[in-house]
Amino acid sequence: MRLIQRPDQFCFSVDSVLLAHFVSVRKKDKIAELGTGTGVIALLLSAFGAGDITAVEKNPVMAELAERNAEGNGRQDRIHVIQLDYRHMEGMLPRGGFTSVVVNPPFRMQGTGQMNRLPGVAQACHEMTATLNDVFQAARYLLNEGGRLTMIHRADRLADIFSEAEACGMEPKRLRCVHSREGEEAGRILAEFRVGGHRGLRLEPPLFVHEQDGSYTHEMARIYGKEPL
């Protein structure tokens, strides 16, 4: 697939690729992606068999870009891009109308870390337009009973994430820690939650991105298509 990006806006990173590969795609899923950006996650999910994806994006520049990317890759029949602030979806998208929600949200709380001078990048990285609570509230609105929320986030915010999930009646079902290299602390987590799910969390093997020499691990090379799956 080919992807158009803009250097003055947020460009996708390895996080988007890892999240798309972590999502459990089922044939009859109705998927909503919150904050689609360039549309890369929706495109990857369509390649993995998803046939009904609603890609939500607040930024009109990025929404147009995501739509162009869907059309440019011949996926406009599977991916519907809608320009919408997912904090205000009532009446725009159906309550409980989706089986799966996917999100790569802003990671940093306001007042932490260095903020990018480009507004589009800053909003994608810091909780300027959507907080962690907003993400879970939006997912709970969209998901039906038994529906799944899948996300990537900073590992050091795991306690906040689990707290928000519990408040919204979502049970953590799968968790995978992502490490830059073996021997280093996890920097990211991949997590799946289920609405009304029973207790029971599966902790999956850690994912290491780089070898000690900086090259990709075999798993990452397979994810990027550089080695056979």
Protein backbone atom coordinates (compact mmCIF):
# COMPACT_ATOMS: atom_id res chain seq x y z
CA MET A 1 0.00 0.00 0.00
CA ARG A 2 1.01 3.60 -0.55
CA LEU A 3 0.43 6.35 1.99
CA ILE A 4 0.33 10.14 1.70
CA GLN A 5 1.58 12.06 4.75
CA ARG A 6 2.21 15.71 5.58
CA PRO A 7 5.33 16.81 7.48
CA ASP A 8 3.40 19.61 9.20
CA GLN A 9 0.98 17.07 10.69
CA PHE A 10 1.40 13.91 12.76
CA CYS A 11 3.07 11.13 10.77
CA PHE A 12 2.52 7.53 11.80
CA SER A 13 5.17 5.58 13.71
CA VAL A 14 5.88 2.00 14.71
CA ASP A 15 3.11 2.32 17.34
CA SER A 16 0.44 2.30 14.63
CA VAL A 17 1.91 -0.80 13.01
CA LEU A 18 2.19 -2.68 16.31
CA LEU A 19 -1.39 -1.81 17.27
CA ALA A 20 -2.82 -2.96 13.93
CA HIS A 21 -1.01 -6.30 14.27
CA PHE A 22 -2.28 -6.76 17.85
CA VAL A 23 -5.96 -6.28 16.98
CA SER A 24 -8.03 -9.47 16.75
CA VAL A 25 -9.91 -9.02 13.47
CA ARG A 26 -13.05 -11.09 13.04
CA LYS A 27 -14.85 -11.48 9.75
CA LYS A 28 -18.13 -9.81 10.79
CA ASP A 29 -16.62 -7.08 12.96
CA LYS A 30 -17.91 -3.52 12.76
CA ILE A 31 -14.81 -1.56 13.69
CA ALA A 32 -14.49 2.07 14.75
CA GLU A 33 -11.05 3.65 14.85
CA LEU A 34 -10.78 6.76 17.02
CA GLY A 35 -8.37 9.42 15.76
CA THR A 36 -7.39 7.73 12.52
CA GLY A 37 -4.82 10.34 11.44
CA THR A 38 -3.46 9.27 8.04
CA GLY A 39 -5.68 6.19 8.11
CA VAL A 40 -2.74 3.78 8.32
CA ILE A 41 -4.28 1.57 11.04
CA ALA A 42 -7.59 1.31 9.17
CA LEU A 43 -5.69 0.40 6.00
CA LEU A 44 -3.71 -2.31 7.78
CA LEU A 45 -6.85 -3.72 9.41
CA SER A 46 -8.49 -3.87 5.97
CA ALA A 47 -5.49 -5.86 4.75
CA PHE A 48 -6.01 -8.28 7.66
CA GLY A 49 -9.60 -8.96 6.59
CA ALA A 50 -11.67 -6.18 8.20
CA GLY A 51 -14.48 -5.21 5.86
CA ASP A 52 -16.41 -2.55 7.81
CA ILE A 53 -14.30 0.23 9.35
CA THR A 54 -15.47 3.68 10.43
CA ALA A 55 -12.40 5.90 10.81
CA VAL A 56 -13.10 8.94 13.00
CA GLU A 57 -10.87 12.02 12.83
CA LYS A 58 -11.37 15.48 14.38
CA ASN A 59 -8.68 17.31 12.38
CA PRO A 60 -10.19 18.21 8.96
CA VAL A 61 -6.75 18.17 7.30
CA MET A 62 -6.07 14.62 8.50
CA ALA A 63 -9.61 13.45 7.77
CA GLU A 64 -9.20 14.51 4.14
CA LEU A 65 -5.80 12.81 4.01
CA ALA A 66 -7.21 9.56 5.45
CA GLU A 67 -10.00 9.61 2.87
CA ARG A 68 -7.48 10.12 0.06
CA ASN A 69 -5.37 7.24 1.38
CA ALA A 70 -8.39 4.92 1.53
CA GLU A 71 -9.35 5.82 -2.05
CA GLY A 72 -5.77 5.69 -3.30
CA ASN A 73 -5.45 2.11 -2.06
CA GLY A 74 -8.85 1.01 -3.33
CA ARG A 75 -10.25 0.52 0.18
CA GLN A 76 -13.05 3.10 0.10
CA ASP A 77 -15.58 0.25 0.08
CA ARG A 78 -14.25 -0.97 3.46
CA ILE A 79 -13.14 2.27 5.14
CA HIS A 80 -15.55 5.14 5.79
CA VAL A 81 -13.79 8.28 7.06
CA ILE A 82 -15.88 10.68 9.11
CA GLN A 83 -14.70 14.06 10.39
CA LEU A 84 -15.96 14.12 13.94
CA ASP A 85 -14.81 14.87 17.49
CA TYR A 86 -15.25 11.51 19.19
CA ARG A 87 -16.07 13.25 22.45
CA HIS A 88 -19.35 14.34 20.86
CA MET A 89 -20.75 11.40 18.86
CA GLU A 90 -24.29 11.15 20.15
CA GLY A 91 -26.66 11.34 17.22
CA MET A 92 -23.79 11.01 14.75
CA LEU A 93 -22.78 7.38 15.35
CA PRO A 94 -25.02 4.65 16.81
CA ARG A 95 -24.73 3.80 20.49
CA GLY A 96 -23.61 0.17 20.81
CA GLY A 97 -23.29 -0.12 17.04
CA PHE A 98 -19.76 -1.57 16.92
CA THR A 99 -18.09 -4.80 17.96
CA SER A 100 -14.55 -3.41 18.02
CA VAL A 101 -12.94 -0.04 18.76
CA VAL A 102 -9.27 0.62 18.02
CA VAL A 103 -7.31 3.64 19.21
CA ASN A 104 -3.77 5.02 19.32
CA PRO A 105 -4.59 7.98 21.59
CA PRO A 106 -2.56 10.98 22.76
CA PHE A 107 -0.11 9.55 25.29
CA ARG A 108 0.94 12.50 27.41
CA MET A 109 -1.07 14.49 29.94
CA GLN A 110 -0.89 18.24 29.47
CA GLY A 111 2.01 19.80 31.32
CA THR A 112 4.25 16.73 30.91
CA GLY A 113 7.01 16.26 28.35
CA GLN A 114 8.02 18.67 25.62
CA MET A 115 5.17 19.86 23.42
CA ASN A 116 5.73 20.04 19.67
CA ARG A 117 5.48 23.51 18.12
CA LEU A 118 3.26 22.16 15.31
CA PRO A 119 -0.38 22.19 16.54
CA GLY A 120 -1.37 19.05 14.62
CA VAL A 121 1.51 17.06 16.10
CA ALA A 122 1.01 18.48 19.60
CA GLN A 123 -2.67 17.47 19.63
CA ALA A 124 -1.81 13.93 18.54
CA CYS A 125 0.79 13.51 21.30
CA HIS A 126 -0.68 15.44 24.24
CA GLU A 127 -4.16 15.25 25.76
CA MET A 128 -5.18 18.64 24.40
CA THR A 129 -8.39 17.53 22.68
CA ALA A 130 -8.98 14.09 24.21
CA THR A 131 -8.05 12.60 27.59
CA LEU A 132 -7.78 8.96 28.55
CA ASN A 133 -11.23 9.25 30.12
CA ASP A 134 -12.60 10.63 26.85
CA VAL A 135 -11.19 7.61 25.00
CA PHE A 136 -12.87 5.10 27.30
CA GLN A 137 -16.16 7.02 27.39
CA ALA A 138 -16.21 7.13 23.59
CA ALA A 139 -15.40 3.43 23.29
CA ARG A 140 -18.10 2.53 25.81
CA TYR A 141 -20.65 4.56 23.84
CA LEU A 142 -19.78 2.79 20.58
CA LEU A 143 -19.35 -0.80 21.76
CA ASN A 144 -22.06 -3.38 22.17
CA GLU A 145 -22.08 -5.88 25.05
CA GLY A 146 -19.02 -8.08 24.65
CA GLY A 147 -17.39 -5.54 22.32
CA ARG A 148 -13.61 -5.07 22.38
CA LEU A 149 -11.43 -2.00 22.82
CA THR A 150 -7.83 -2.39 21.64
CA MET A 151 -5.21 0.28 22.28
CA ILE A 152 -1.53 1.09 22.51
CA HIS A 153 -0.28 3.42 25.23
CA ARG A 154 2.65 4.33 27.43
CA ALA A 155 3.58 1.58 29.88
CA ASP A 156 3.90 4.05 32.76
CA ARG A 157 0.20 4.91 32.46
CA LEU A 158 -1.04 1.35 32.87
CA ALA A 159 -2.55 2.03 36.31
CA ASP A 160 -4.54 4.98 34.88
CA ILE A 161 -5.67 2.83 31.95
CA PHE A 162 -6.93 -0.02 34.13
CA SER A 163 -8.71 2.46 36.43
CA GLU A 164 -10.55 4.07 33.51
CA ALA A 165 -11.45 0.67 32.08
CA GLU A 166 -12.98 -0.47 35.37
CA ALA A 167 -14.99 2.74 35.68
CA CYS A 168 -16.47 2.08 32.23
CA GLY A 169 -17.31 -1.57 32.89
CA MET A 170 -14.52 -2.96 30.70
CA GLU A 171 -12.42 -5.94 31.72
CA PRO A 172 -8.78 -6.25 30.57
CA LYS A 173 -8.43 -9.49 28.60
CA ARG A 174 -5.06 -9.30 26.80
CA LEU A 175 -1.88 -7.40 27.63
CA ARG A 176 1.49 -7.31 25.87
CA CYS A 177 4.46 -5.18 26.90
CA VAL A 178 6.63 -3.61 24.20
CA HIS A 179 10.34 -3.09 24.89
CA SER A 180 12.82 -1.23 22.74
CA ARG A 181 15.47 -3.88 23.54
CA GLU A 182 15.77 -6.95 25.75
CA GLY A 183 16.86 -5.91 29.24
CA GLU A 184 15.14 -2.50 29.05
CA GLU A 185 11.90 -1.47 30.73
CA ALA A 186 8.72 -1.59 28.70
CA GLY A 187 7.96 1.69 26.96
CA ARG A 188 4.56 0.77 25.51
CA ILE A 189 1.73 -1.63 26.26
CA LEU A 190 -0.77 -3.23 23.89
CA ALA A 191 -4.06 -3.99 25.59
CA GLU A 192 -7.47 -5.39 24.77
CA PHE A 193 -10.56 -4.77 26.94
CA ARG A 194 -14.03 -6.27 26.73
CA VAL A 195 -17.33 -4.70 27.71
CA GLY A 196 -18.88 -6.80 30.48
CA GLY A 197 -16.11 -9.37 30.24
CA HIS A 198 -15.39 -11.96 32.93
CA ARG A 199 -12.28 -11.71 35.10
CA GLY A 200 -9.19 -13.19 33.51
CA LEU A 201 -6.23 -11.40 31.91
CA ARG A 202 -3.88 -13.10 29.46
CA LEU A 203 -0.36 -11.68 29.72
CA GLU A 204 1.28 -12.32 26.35
CA PRO A 205 5.03 -12.69 25.75
CA PRO A 206 6.95 -9.39 25.58
CA LEU A 207 7.65 -7.84 22.20
CA PHE A 208 11.19 -6.59 21.57
CA VAL A 209 11.59 -4.06 18.76
CA HIS A 210 15.38 -3.90 18.37
CA GLU A 211 18.37 -6.16 18.78
CA GLN A 212 21.28 -4.81 20.81
CA ASP A 213 22.96 -3.58 17.60
CA GLY A 214 19.89 -1.49 16.71
CA SER A 215 18.56 -3.77 13.96
CA TYR A 216 15.01 -5.08 14.07
CA THR A 217 14.30 -8.32 15.90
CA HIS A 218 13.02 -11.23 13.81
CA GLU A 219 9.46 -10.60 15.01
CA MET A 220 9.60 -6.93 14.04
CA ALA A 221 11.13 -7.82 10.67
CA ARG A 222 8.21 -10.21 10.07
CA ILE A 223 5.71 -7.53 11.09
CA TYR A 224 7.26 -5.15 8.54
CA GLY A 225 7.24 -7.86 5.87
CA LYS A 226 11.04 -8.15 5.71
CA GLU A 227 10.93 -11.82 6.73
CA PRO A 228 8.31 -14.52 6.01
CA LEU A 229 5.54 -14.81 8.60
